[in-house]
């Protein structure tokens, strides 16, 4: 039987913390598994099933939702397919079920590519790539989007990983989200405003136990101060490689081990989703349980209408965005 997500690209590498392994899928260029020294750092799922709750998929040319699937382009109303039928939204972009083609592969890295072709609701053409690479301290992900059309195109990028620390109940983990502003939404989860998290149960900057949370909320991420991390006012390419990004969110176990999602300066937003019925892998097979999605995004929900975080790519222009997962405290 063929995998529901197509060809499975398995990556392996030695690391100071032990053997690292990741599985990337042909469909949606998804992250289906990632472990270090046998410890799962993302929620995995069987190859025979559709990614549960969008686990691991790439979100292009927009993450999250567009209200009613409708947006205005130079005064012309564009209508996108409504693939969130209950809430009547267009969600997760146009490549969430598309196969990617292989561009390059090595034992510890893979680059996949897919094209966004013009359609009635999005009359633009984009060539996109995603590179996953195992490193000594984690998994690095690099996206490129090139506008190969004739008009400027609105673009945003996101991903949908579910973090975990294998062997530790997710309810017992502490979630830390570097965000001082929460995005307010209506009953259909579309933005209606924003508010500071200070003094509320949504302030996750100091960390809160996952068992206390029930979230499907967007936040504006707080960028790291470059002076605090020793690189002056600006980050060149070499410095950025060393710093591993301009924003960080984490899950931490009671014994101090952490899995950290980082993003570069483009990843200014994050969606946090804590479903209670994710099919968590157990010795007895998948069982509904708690999971934690920490979704890096360059723009929040409904960005095609609000313009928040939206990037307009000119014809021939290429945009590169990076994020990744790293870990601390894993024994080597």
C-alpha atoms as a PDB file:
ATOM      1  CA  UNK A   1       0.000   0.000   0.000  1.00  0.00           C
ATOM      2  CA  UNK A   2       1.343   3.442  -0.945  1.00  0.00           C
ATOM      3  CA  UNK A   3       1.771   5.940   1.836  1.00  0.00           C
ATOM      4  CA  UNK A   4      -1.036   8.485   2.047  1.00  0.00           C
ATOM      5  CA  UNK A   5       1.620  11.213   1.975  1.00  0.00           C
ATOM      6  CA  UNK A   6       3.558   9.754  -0.949  1.00  0.00           C
ATOM      7  CA  UNK A   7       7.271   9.037  -0.967  1.00  0.00           C
ATOM      8  CA  UNK A   8       8.905   9.099   2.453  1.00  0.00           C
ATOM      9  CA  UNK A   9      12.366  10.681   2.624  1.00  0.00           C
ATOM     10  CA  UNK A  10      14.258   9.396   5.658  1.00  0.00           C
ATOM     11  CA  UNK A  11      17.171  11.506   6.924  1.00  0.00           C
ATOM     12  CA  UNK A  12      19.807  10.242   9.331  1.00  0.00           C
ATOM     13  CA  UNK A  13      22.852  11.812  10.974  1.00  0.00           C
ATOM     14  CA  UNK A  14      25.128  11.387  13.956  1.00  0.00           C
ATOM     15  CA  UNK A  15      24.893  14.182  16.511  1.00  0.00           C
ATOM     16  CA  UNK A  16      26.522  14.945  19.882  1.00  0.00           C
ATOM     17  CA  UNK A  17      23.214  13.899  21.518  1.00  0.00           C
ATOM     18  CA  UNK A  18      22.952  10.621  19.638  1.00  0.00           C
ATOM     19  CA  UNK A  19      21.574   9.443  16.298  1.00  0.00           C
ATOM     20  CA  UNK A  20      19.159  11.885  14.673  1.00  0.00           C
ATOM     21  CA  UNK A  21      16.393  10.785  12.321  1.00  0.00           C
ATOM     22  CA  UNK A  22      13.681  12.624  10.390  1.00  0.00           C
ATOM     23  CA  UNK A  23      11.058  11.598   7.842  1.00  0.00           C
ATOM     24  CA  UNK A  24       9.860  14.124   5.256  1.00  0.00           C
ATOM     25  CA  UNK A  25       6.834  13.431   3.067  1.00  0.00           C
ATOM     26  CA  UNK A  26       6.287  14.004  -0.632  1.00  0.00           C
ATOM     27  CA  UNK A  27       2.807  15.414  -0.023  1.00  0.00           C
ATOM     28  CA  UNK A  28       2.891  18.900   1.544  1.00  0.00           C
ATOM     29  CA  UNK A  29       6.667  18.489   2.176  1.00  0.00           C
ATOM     30  CA  UNK A  30       5.598  17.515   5.678  1.00  0.00           C
ATOM     31  CA  UNK A  31       7.651  16.642   8.738  1.00  0.00           C
ATOM     32  CA  UNK A  32       6.246  13.224   9.668  1.00  0.00           C
ATOM     33  CA  UNK A  33       8.833  12.260  12.296  1.00  0.00           C
ATOM     34  CA  UNK A  34      11.886  13.674  14.048  1.00  0.00           C
ATOM     35  CA  UNK A  35      13.830  12.038  16.864  1.00  0.00           C
ATOM     36  CA  UNK A  36      17.219  12.254  18.547  1.00  0.00           C
ATOM     37  CA  UNK A  37      18.712   9.266  20.339  1.00  0.00           C
ATOM     38  CA  UNK A  38      15.357   7.535  20.041  1.00  0.00           C
ATOM     39  CA  UNK A  39      13.472  10.427  21.705  1.00  0.00           C
ATOM     40  CA  UNK A  40      10.636  11.786  19.570  1.00  0.00           C
ATOM     41  CA  UNK A  41      10.673  15.581  19.364  1.00  0.00           C
ATOM     42  CA  UNK A  42       7.574  15.938  17.175  1.00  0.00           C
ATOM     43  CA  UNK A  43       4.309  14.041  17.099  1.00  0.00           C
ATOM     44  CA  UNK A  44       4.555  11.370  14.416  1.00  0.00           C
ATOM     45  CA  UNK A  45       1.849   9.441  12.620  1.00  0.00           C
ATOM     46  CA  UNK A  46       1.666   6.321  10.428  1.00  0.00           C
ATOM     47  CA  UNK A  47       2.579   6.656   6.754  1.00  0.00           C
ATOM     48  CA  UNK A  48      -0.798   5.164   5.832  1.00  0.00           C
ATOM     49  CA  UNK A  49      -2.868   8.062   7.171  1.00  0.00           C
ATOM     50  CA  UNK A  50      -3.538  11.673   6.216  1.00  0.00           C
ATOM     51  CA  UNK A  51      -1.589  14.025   8.534  1.00  0.00           C
ATOM     52  CA  UNK A  52      -3.828  14.344  11.615  1.00  0.00           C
ATOM     53  CA  UNK A  53      -4.825  17.922  12.324  1.00  0.00           C
ATOM     54  CA  UNK A  54      -2.406  19.062   9.567  1.00  0.00           C
ATOM     55  CA  UNK A  55       0.611  17.699  11.451  1.00  0.00           C
ATOM     56  CA  UNK A  56       3.921  18.776   9.947  1.00  0.00           C
ATOM     57  CA  UNK A  57       2.673  20.281   6.679  1.00  0.00           C
ATOM     58  CA  UNK A  58       3.987  23.374   4.873  1.00  0.00           C
ATOM     59  CA  UNK A  59       1.599  26.349   4.598  1.00  0.00           C
ATOM     60  CA  UNK A  60       2.085  28.402   1.391  1.00  0.00           C
ATOM     61  CA  UNK A  61       1.168  30.969   0.059  1.00  0.00           C
ATOM     62  CA  UNK A  62      -0.629  31.728   3.315  1.00  0.00           C
ATOM     63  CA  UNK A  63      -0.801  30.087   6.741  1.00  0.00           C
ATOM     64  CA  UNK A  64      -3.889  29.941   8.918  1.00  0.00           C
ATOM     65  CA  UNK A  65      -7.201  31.313   7.608  1.00  0.00           C
ATOM     66  CA  UNK A  66      -8.689  33.740   5.117  1.00  0.00           C
ATOM     67  CA  UNK A  67     -12.188  34.754   6.163  1.00  0.00           C
ATOM     68  CA  UNK A  68     -14.834  33.448   3.728  1.00  0.00           C
ATOM     69  CA  UNK A  69     -11.967  32.708   1.325  1.00  0.00           C
ATOM     70  CA  UNK A  70     -12.450  36.241   0.019  1.00  0.00           C
ATOM     71  CA  UNK A  71      -9.888  39.004  -0.454  1.00  0.00           C
ATOM     72  CA  UNK A  72      -9.560  42.112  -2.596  1.00  0.00           C
ATOM     73  CA  UNK A  73      -6.796  42.555  -5.175  1.00  0.00           C
ATOM     74  CA  UNK A  74      -6.699  46.039  -6.710  1.00  0.00           C
ATOM     75  CA  UNK A  75     -10.424  46.292  -6.089  1.00  0.00           C
ATOM     76  CA  UNK A  76     -11.175  42.897  -7.636  1.00  0.00           C
ATOM     77  CA  UNK A  77     -12.784  40.326  -5.341  1.00  0.00           C
ATOM     78  CA  UNK A  78     -10.883  37.020  -5.309  1.00  0.00           C
ATOM     79  CA  UNK A  79     -12.527  33.837  -4.001  1.00  0.00           C
ATOM     80  CA  UNK A  80     -10.504  30.899  -2.720  1.00  0.00           C
ATOM     81  CA  UNK A  81     -11.763  27.351  -2.078  1.00  0.00           C
ATOM     82  CA  UNK A  82     -13.349  26.945   1.369  1.00  0.00           C
ATOM     83  CA  UNK A  83     -11.517  23.941   2.806  1.00  0.00           C
ATOM     84  CA  UNK A  84     -12.581  24.640   6.398  1.00  0.00           C
ATOM     85  CA  UNK A  85     -16.302  24.012   5.768  1.00  0.00           C
ATOM     86  CA  UNK A  86     -17.710  24.445   9.270  1.00  0.00           C
ATOM     87  CA  UNK A  87     -16.089  27.867   9.779  1.00  0.00           C
ATOM     88  CA  UNK A  88     -16.341  28.708   6.041  1.00  0.00           C
ATOM     89  CA  UNK A  89     -12.708  29.753   5.724  1.00  0.00           C
ATOM     90  CA  UNK A  90      -9.869  29.079   3.312  1.00  0.00           C
ATOM     91  CA  UNK A  91      -7.111  27.538   5.425  1.00  0.00           C
ATOM     92  CA  UNK A  92      -3.446  26.519   5.165  1.00  0.00           C
ATOM     93  CA  UNK A  93      -2.647  27.759   1.661  1.00  0.00           C
ATOM     94  CA  UNK A  94      -2.680  25.949  -1.675  1.00  0.00           C
ATOM     95  CA  UNK A  95      -0.063  23.211  -1.271  1.00  0.00           C
ATOM     96  CA  UNK A  96      -1.372  21.393   1.817  1.00  0.00           C
ATOM     97  CA  UNK A  97      -2.334  18.330  -0.280  1.00  0.00           C
ATOM     98  CA  UNK A  98       0.074  18.785  -3.190  1.00  0.00           C
ATOM     99  CA  UNK A  99       2.978  16.472  -4.034  1.00  0.00           C
ATOM    100  CA  UNK A 100       6.437  18.009  -4.050  1.00  0.00           C
ATOM    101  CA  UNK A 101       9.187  16.861  -6.414  1.00  0.00           C
ATOM    102  CA  UNK A 102      12.687  15.907  -5.307  1.00  0.00           C
ATOM    103  CA  UNK A 103      15.423  18.418  -6.146  1.00  0.00           C
ATOM    104  CA  UNK A 104      18.327  17.222  -4.020  1.00  0.00           C
ATOM    105  CA  UNK A 105      19.024  14.608  -1.406  1.00  0.00           C
ATOM    106  CA  UNK A 106      21.858  13.522   0.868  1.00  0.00           C
ATOM    107  CA  UNK A 107      21.860  11.219   3.917  1.00  0.00           C
ATOM    108  CA  UNK A 108      21.094  14.140   6.256  1.00  0.00           C
ATOM    109  CA  UNK A 109      19.188  16.607   4.050  1.00  0.00           C
ATOM    110  CA  UNK A 110      16.514  16.807   1.383  1.00  0.00           C
ATOM    111  CA  UNK A 111      15.201  19.617  -0.832  1.00  0.00           C
ATOM    112  CA  UNK A 112      11.691  19.380  -2.277  1.00  0.00           C
ATOM    113  CA  UNK A 113       9.948  21.722  -4.710  1.00  0.00           C
ATOM    114  CA  UNK A 114       6.386  22.552  -5.725  1.00  0.00           C
ATOM    115  CA  UNK A 115       4.750  25.177  -7.908  1.00  0.00           C
ATOM    116  CA  UNK A 116       1.740  27.266  -7.016  1.00  0.00           C
ATOM    117  CA  UNK A 117      -0.067  27.653 -10.339  1.00  0.00           C
ATOM    118  CA  UNK A 118      -2.489  30.496 -11.061  1.00  0.00           C
ATOM    119  CA  UNK A 119      -6.160  29.974 -10.260  1.00  0.00           C
ATOM    120  CA  UNK A 120      -9.254  32.126  -9.946  1.00  0.00           C
ATOM    121  CA  UNK A 121      -8.708  33.006  -6.287  1.00  0.00           C
ATOM    122  CA  UNK A 122      -4.923  33.380  -6.601  1.00  0.00           C
ATOM    123  CA  UNK A 123      -3.865  34.426 -10.133  1.00  0.00           C
ATOM    124  CA  UNK A 124      -0.120  34.212  -9.478  1.00  0.00           C
ATOM    125  CA  UNK A 125       2.605  31.655 -10.134  1.00  0.00           C
ATOM    126  CA  UNK A 126       5.240  30.772  -7.552  1.00  0.00           C
ATOM    127  CA  UNK A 127       8.098  28.283  -7.525  1.00  0.00           C
ATOM    128  CA  UNK A 128       8.689  27.082  -3.971  1.00  0.00           C
ATOM    129  CA  UNK A 129      11.295  24.880  -2.286  1.00  0.00           C
ATOM    130  CA  UNK A 130      11.717  23.444   1.205  1.00  0.00           C
ATOM    131  CA  UNK A 131      15.014  22.102   2.549  1.00  0.00           C
ATOM    132  CA  UNK A 132      15.207  20.000   5.716  1.00  0.00           C
ATOM    133  CA  UNK A 133      18.692  19.414   7.134  1.00  0.00           C
ATOM    134  CA  UNK A 134      19.785  17.586  10.287  1.00  0.00           C
ATOM    135  CA  UNK A 135      22.418  19.468  12.297  1.00  0.00           C
ATOM    136  CA  UNK A 136      24.383  18.810  15.489  1.00  0.00           C
ATOM    137  CA  UNK A 137      21.688  20.412  17.658  1.00  0.00           C
ATOM    138  CA  UNK A 138      18.508  20.059  15.664  1.00  0.00           C
ATOM    139  CA  UNK A 139      16.648  20.232  12.383  1.00  0.00           C
ATOM    140  CA  UNK A 140      16.950  23.298  10.141  1.00  0.00           C
ATOM    141  CA  UNK A 141      14.226  24.178   7.624  1.00  0.00           C
ATOM    142  CA  UNK A 142      14.693  26.663   4.765  1.00  0.00           C
ATOM    143  CA  UNK A 143      11.876  27.859   2.485  1.00  0.00           C
ATOM    144  CA  UNK A 144      12.291  29.754  -0.765  1.00  0.00           C
ATOM    145  CA  UNK A 145       9.506  31.315  -2.795  1.00  0.00           C
ATOM    146  CA  UNK A 146      10.176  32.805  -6.218  1.00  0.00           C
ATOM    147  CA  UNK A 147       7.601  34.806  -8.143  1.00  0.00           C
ATOM    148  CA  UNK A 148       7.760  33.436 -11.699  1.00  0.00           C
ATOM    149  CA  UNK A 149       4.663  35.316 -12.830  1.00  0.00           C
ATOM    150  CA  UNK A 150       4.218  38.762 -14.328  1.00  0.00           C
ATOM    151  CA  UNK A 151       2.531  40.574 -11.408  1.00  0.00           C
ATOM    152  CA  UNK A 152       3.475  41.224  -7.797  1.00  0.00           C
ATOM    153  CA  UNK A 153       2.136  38.374  -5.647  1.00  0.00           C
ATOM    154  CA  UNK A 154       1.044  38.334  -1.976  1.00  0.00           C
ATOM    155  CA  UNK A 155       2.887  35.640  -0.041  1.00  0.00           C
ATOM    156  CA  UNK A 156       3.098  34.360   3.517  1.00  0.00           C
ATOM    157  CA  UNK A 157       4.733  31.175   4.817  1.00  0.00           C
ATOM    158  CA  UNK A 158       4.034  28.898   7.745  1.00  0.00           C
ATOM    159  CA  UNK A 159       4.517  25.368   9.055  1.00  0.00           C
ATOM    160  CA  UNK A 160       2.501  23.084  11.345  1.00  0.00           C
ATOM    161  CA  UNK A 161       4.790  21.022  13.619  1.00  0.00           C
ATOM    162  CA  UNK A 162       3.554  19.433  16.839  1.00  0.00           C
ATOM    163  CA  UNK A 163       6.325  19.413  19.442  1.00  0.00           C
ATOM    164  CA  UNK A 164       6.848  16.804  22.148  1.00  0.00           C
ATOM    165  CA  UNK A 165       9.505  15.145  24.308  1.00  0.00           C
ATOM    166  CA  UNK A 166       9.149  11.421  23.910  1.00  0.00           C
ATOM    167  CA  UNK A 167       8.516   9.521  27.118  1.00  0.00           C
ATOM    168  CA  UNK A 168       7.084  12.555  28.950  1.00  0.00           C
ATOM    169  CA  UNK A 169       3.289  13.067  29.035  1.00  0.00           C
ATOM    170  CA  UNK A 170       2.555  16.233  27.108  1.00  0.00           C
ATOM    171  CA  UNK A 171       0.362  17.508  29.960  1.00  0.00           C
ATOM    172  CA  UNK A 172       3.480  17.519  32.154  1.00  0.00           C
ATOM    173  CA  UNK A 173       5.490  19.742  29.799  1.00  0.00           C
ATOM    174  CA  UNK A 174       5.867  23.496  30.255  1.00  0.00           C
ATOM    175  CA  UNK A 175       5.082  25.609  27.200  1.00  0.00           C
ATOM    176  CA  UNK A 176       6.893  28.918  26.784  1.00  0.00           C
ATOM    177  CA  UNK A 177       5.827  31.280  24.011  1.00  0.00           C
ATOM    178  CA  UNK A 178       7.787  34.481  23.406  1.00  0.00           C
ATOM    179  CA  UNK A 179       4.823  36.728  22.646  1.00  0.00           C
ATOM    180  CA  UNK A 180       3.481  39.842  24.313  1.00  0.00           C
ATOM    181  CA  UNK A 181       0.410  40.280  22.107  1.00  0.00           C
ATOM    182  CA  UNK A 182      -2.474  37.903  21.459  1.00  0.00           C
ATOM    183  CA  UNK A 183      -4.644  38.114  18.345  1.00  0.00           C
ATOM    184  CA  UNK A 184      -8.354  38.300  19.207  1.00  0.00           C
ATOM    185  CA  UNK A 185     -10.699  36.254  17.005  1.00  0.00           C
ATOM    186  CA  UNK A 186     -14.401  35.744  16.364  1.00  0.00           C
ATOM    187  CA  UNK A 187     -16.309  32.469  16.666  1.00  0.00           C
ATOM    188  CA  UNK A 188     -14.868  31.412  13.278  1.00  0.00           C
ATOM    189  CA  UNK A 189     -11.281  32.034  14.463  1.00  0.00           C
ATOM    190  CA  UNK A 190     -10.749  35.076  12.254  1.00  0.00           C
ATOM    191  CA  UNK A 191      -8.930  38.133  13.678  1.00  0.00           C
ATOM    192  CA  UNK A 192     -10.951  41.030  15.064  1.00  0.00           C
ATOM    193  CA  UNK A 193      -8.198  42.803  17.012  1.00  0.00           C
ATOM    194  CA  UNK A 194      -5.307  42.259  19.361  1.00  0.00           C
ATOM    195  CA  UNK A 195      -4.488  42.749  23.007  1.00  0.00           C
ATOM    196  CA  UNK A 196      -1.517  42.600  25.362  1.00  0.00           C
ATOM    197  CA  UNK A 197      -1.181  39.318  27.240  1.00  0.00           C
ATOM    198  CA  UNK A 198       0.010  40.971  30.447  1.00  0.00           C
ATOM    199  CA  UNK A 199      -1.964  39.784  33.455  1.00  0.00           C
ATOM    200  CA  UNK A 200      -3.961  37.211  31.474  1.00  0.00           C
ATOM    201  CA  UNK A 201      -3.917  33.440  31.168  1.00  0.00           C
ATOM    202  CA  UNK A 202      -2.464  33.874  27.692  1.00  0.00           C
ATOM    203  CA  UNK A 203       0.848  35.198  28.979  1.00  0.00           C
ATOM    204  CA  UNK A 204       3.114  32.238  28.268  1.00  0.00           C
ATOM    205  CA  UNK A 205       6.404  34.113  28.397  1.00  0.00           C
ATOM    206  CA  UNK A 206       7.359  32.599  31.761  1.00  0.00           C
ATOM    207  CA  UNK A 207       5.969  29.186  30.829  1.00  0.00           C
ATOM    208  CA  UNK A 208       2.802  27.311  31.809  1.00  0.00           C
ATOM    209  CA  UNK A 209       1.985  23.639  32.150  1.00  0.00           C
ATOM    210  CA  UNK A 210       0.293  22.308  29.050  1.00  0.00           C
ATOM    211  CA  UNK A 211      -2.428  20.636  31.143  1.00  0.00           C
ATOM    212  CA  UNK A 212      -3.643  24.142  32.095  1.00  0.00           C
ATOM    213  CA  UNK A 213      -4.076  25.269  28.482  1.00  0.00           C
ATOM    214  CA  UNK A 214      -6.805  25.066  25.865  1.00  0.00           C
ATOM    215  CA  UNK A 215      -5.540  27.090  22.931  1.00  0.00           C
ATOM    216  CA  UNK A 216      -6.090  27.713  19.259  1.00  0.00           C
ATOM    217  CA  UNK A 217      -4.674  31.207  19.332  1.00  0.00           C
ATOM    218  CA  UNK A 218      -2.371  33.415  17.315  1.00  0.00           C
ATOM    219  CA  UNK A 219       0.283  35.632  18.851  1.00  0.00           C
ATOM    220  CA  UNK A 220       2.694  38.301  17.684  1.00  0.00           C
ATOM    221  CA  UNK A 221       6.118  36.919  18.517  1.00  0.00           C
ATOM    222  CA  UNK A 222       8.680  38.882  20.487  1.00  0.00           C
ATOM    223  CA  UNK A 223      11.954  39.118  18.579  1.00  0.00           C
ATOM    224  CA  UNK A 224      15.181  38.417  20.427  1.00  0.00           C
ATOM    225  CA  UNK A 225      17.343  41.460  21.031  1.00  0.00           C
ATOM    226  CA  UNK A 226      20.453  40.964  18.915  1.00  0.00           C
ATOM    227  CA  UNK A 227      22.603  42.780  21.478  1.00  0.00           C
ATOM    228  CA  UNK A 228      21.510  40.259  24.125  1.00  0.00           C
ATOM    229  CA  UNK A 229      22.822  37.418  22.015  1.00  0.00           C
ATOM    230  CA  UNK A 230      26.119  39.001  21.190  1.00  0.00           C
ATOM    231  CA  UNK A 231      25.840  40.076  17.580  1.00  0.00           C
ATOM    232  CA  UNK A 232      25.445  43.838  17.631  1.00  0.00           C
ATOM    233  CA  UNK A 233      22.621  45.579  15.849  1.00  0.00           C
ATOM    234  CA  UNK A 234      22.344  43.435  12.737  1.00  0.00           C
ATOM    235  CA  UNK A 235      22.732  39.779  11.850  1.00  0.00           C
ATOM    236  CA  UNK A 236      24.710  38.774   8.782  1.00  0.00           C
ATOM    237  CA  UNK A 237      24.315  35.293   7.294  1.00  0.00           C
ATOM    238  CA  UNK A 238      27.098  33.761   9.384  1.00  0.00           C
ATOM    239  CA  UNK A 239      25.753  35.258  12.610  1.00  0.00           C
ATOM    240  CA  UNK A 240      22.247  34.088  11.837  1.00  0.00           C
ATOM    241  CA  UNK A 241      23.502  30.531  11.404  1.00  0.00           C
ATOM    242  CA  UNK A 242      25.092  30.718  14.837  1.00  0.00           C
ATOM    243  CA  UNK A 243      22.129  32.371  16.570  1.00  0.00           C
ATOM    244  CA  UNK A 244      19.552  30.029  15.014  1.00  0.00           C
ATOM    245  CA  UNK A 245      16.926  32.663  14.587  1.00  0.00           C
ATOM    246  CA  UNK A 246      15.309  35.761  15.946  1.00  0.00           C
ATOM    247  CA  UNK A 247      12.451  34.171  17.916  1.00  0.00           C
ATOM    248  CA  UNK A 248      12.210  31.086  20.124  1.00  0.00           C
ATOM    249  CA  UNK A 249       9.360  29.107  21.733  1.00  0.00           C
ATOM    250  CA  UNK A 250       9.823  25.920  23.756  1.00  0.00           C
ATOM    251  CA  UNK A 251       8.463  22.868  25.554  1.00  0.00           C
ATOM    252  CA  UNK A 252      10.363  21.816  28.666  1.00  0.00           C
ATOM    253  CA  UNK A 253      10.199  18.591  30.655  1.00  0.00           C
ATOM    254  CA  UNK A 254      10.332  18.465  34.477  1.00  0.00           C
ATOM    255  CA  UNK A 255      13.931  17.195  34.227  1.00  0.00           C
ATOM    256  CA  UNK A 256      15.005  20.281  32.245  1.00  0.00           C
ATOM    257  CA  UNK A 257      15.167  18.817  28.749  1.00  0.00           C
ATOM    258  CA  UNK A 258      13.746  21.177  26.143  1.00  0.00           C
ATOM    259  CA  UNK A 259      12.641  21.180  22.539  1.00  0.00           C
ATOM    260  CA  UNK A 260      12.800  24.647  21.008  1.00  0.00           C
ATOM    261  CA  UNK A 261      11.159  26.002  17.889  1.00  0.00           C
ATOM    262  CA  UNK A 262      13.090  28.928  16.454  1.00  0.00           C
ATOM    263  CA  UNK A 263      12.414  31.240  13.549  1.00  0.00           C
ATOM    264  CA  UNK A 264      14.330  33.896  11.701  1.00  0.00           C
ATOM    265  CA  UNK A 265      13.335  37.559  11.628  1.00  0.00           C
ATOM    266  CA  UNK A 266      10.519  36.800   9.182  1.00  0.00           C
ATOM    267  CA  UNK A 267       8.650  34.510  11.601  1.00  0.00           C
ATOM    268  CA  UNK A 268       6.930  37.309  13.502  1.00  0.00           C
ATOM    269  CA  UNK A 269       3.779  35.378  14.332  1.00  0.00           C
ATOM    270  CA  UNK A 270       2.983  32.044  15.923  1.00  0.00           C
ATOM    271  CA  UNK A 271      -0.185  29.971  16.249  1.00  0.00           C
ATOM    272  CA  UNK A 272      -0.447  27.726  19.308  1.00  0.00           C
ATOM    273  CA  UNK A 273      -2.919  24.832  19.149  1.00  0.00           C
ATOM    274  CA  UNK A 274      -3.442  22.325  21.983  1.00  0.00           C
ATOM    275  CA  UNK A 275      -5.968  19.740  20.757  1.00  0.00           C
ATOM    276  CA  UNK A 276      -7.073  17.074  23.231  1.00  0.00           C
ATOM    277  CA  UNK A 277      -7.882  14.435  20.607  1.00  0.00           C
ATOM    278  CA  UNK A 278      -4.656  14.133  18.639  1.00  0.00           C
ATOM    279  CA  UNK A 279      -3.846  10.456  17.873  1.00  0.00           C
ATOM    280  CA  UNK A 280      -0.816  10.236  20.157  1.00  0.00           C
ATOM    281  CA  UNK A 281       1.449   7.237  19.575  1.00  0.00           C
ATOM    282  CA  UNK A 282       1.499   4.813  22.538  1.00  0.00           C
ATOM    283  CA  UNK A 283       2.706   1.214  23.020  1.00  0.00           C
ATOM    284  CA  UNK A 284      -0.904   0.159  22.473  1.00  0.00           C
ATOM    285  CA  UNK A 285      -1.207   2.160  19.243  1.00  0.00           C
ATOM    286  CA  UNK A 286      -2.511   5.646  18.479  1.00  0.00           C
ATOM    287  CA  UNK A 287      -4.708   6.957  21.303  1.00  0.00           C
ATOM    288  CA  UNK A 288      -6.536  10.311  21.467  1.00  0.00           C
ATOM    289  CA  UNK A 289      -4.538  12.624  23.698  1.00  0.00           C
ATOM    290  CA  UNK A 290      -3.105  16.100  24.159  1.00  0.00           C
ATOM    291  CA  UNK A 291      -0.720  17.562  21.590  1.00  0.00           C
ATOM    292  CA  UNK A 292       0.922  20.959  21.136  1.00  0.00           C
ATOM    293  CA  UNK A 293       1.298  22.608  17.746  1.00  0.00           C
ATOM    294  CA  UNK A 294       3.666  25.573  17.712  1.00  0.00           C
ATOM    295  CA  UNK A 295       3.240  26.988  14.227  1.00  0.00           C
ATOM    296  CA  UNK A 296       5.770  29.558  12.982  1.00  0.00           C
ATOM    297  CA  UNK A 297       4.199  32.039  10.572  1.00  0.00           C
ATOM    298  CA  UNK A 298       5.344  35.093   8.656  1.00  0.00           C
ATOM    299  CA  UNK A 299       1.792  36.477   8.795  1.00  0.00           C
ATOM    300  CA  UNK A 300      -1.289  35.888  10.957  1.00  0.00           C
ATOM    301  CA  UNK A 301      -4.758  34.740   9.925  1.00  0.00           C
ATOM    302  CA  UNK A 302      -6.557  36.803   7.267  1.00  0.00           C
ATOM    303  CA  UNK A 303      -3.358  38.591   6.224  1.00  0.00           C
ATOM    304  CA  UNK A 304      -4.520  38.863   2.602  1.00  0.00           C
ATOM    305  CA  UNK A 305      -7.186  41.276   3.876  1.00  0.00           C
ATOM    306  CA  UNK A 306      -5.380  43.027   6.726  1.00  0.00           C
ATOM    307  CA  UNK A 307      -1.892  43.152   5.199  1.00  0.00           C
ATOM    308  CA  UNK A 308      -0.305  42.193   8.537  1.00  0.00           C
ATOM    309  CA  UNK A 309       3.024  40.484   7.855  1.00  0.00           C
ATOM    310  CA  UNK A 310       2.177  40.060   4.172  1.00  0.00           C
ATOM    311  CA  UNK A 311       5.060  40.048   1.697  1.00  0.00           C
ATOM    312  CA  UNK A 312       4.463  41.222  -1.873  1.00  0.00           C
ATOM    313  CA  UNK A 313       6.962  39.515  -4.164  1.00  0.00           C
ATOM    314  CA  UNK A 314       7.810  41.316  -7.376  1.00  0.00           C
ATOM    315  CA  UNK A 315       8.197  39.298 -10.594  1.00  0.00           C
ATOM    316  CA  UNK A 316      11.541  37.489 -10.496  1.00  0.00           C
ATOM    317  CA  UNK A 317      12.008  38.136  -6.761  1.00  0.00           C
ATOM    318  CA  UNK A 318      12.935  35.286  -4.364  1.00  0.00           C
ATOM    319  CA  UNK A 319      12.196  35.261  -0.634  1.00  0.00           C
ATOM    320  CA  UNK A 320      14.029  32.981   1.806  1.00  0.00           C
ATOM    321  CA  UNK A 321      12.642  32.132   5.258  1.00  0.00           C
ATOM    322  CA  UNK A 322      14.165  29.874   7.915  1.00  0.00           C
ATOM    323  CA  UNK A 323      12.983  28.116  11.046  1.00  0.00           C
ATOM    324  CA  UNK A 324      13.850  24.926  12.839  1.00  0.00           C
ATOM    325  CA  UNK A 325      13.739  22.705  15.887  1.00  0.00           C
ATOM    326  CA  UNK A 326      16.603  22.297  18.312  1.00  0.00           C
ATOM    327  CA  UNK A 327      16.998  20.614  21.649  1.00  0.00           C
ATOM    328  CA  UNK A 328      18.853  21.031  24.928  1.00  0.00           C
ATOM    329  CA  UNK A 329      19.567  18.596  27.737  1.00  0.00           C
ATOM    330  CA  UNK A 330      19.467  15.410  25.686  1.00  0.00           C
ATOM    331  CA  UNK A 331      22.254  13.084  26.755  1.00  0.00           C
ATOM    332  CA  UNK A 332      24.871  12.198  24.165  1.00  0.00           C
END
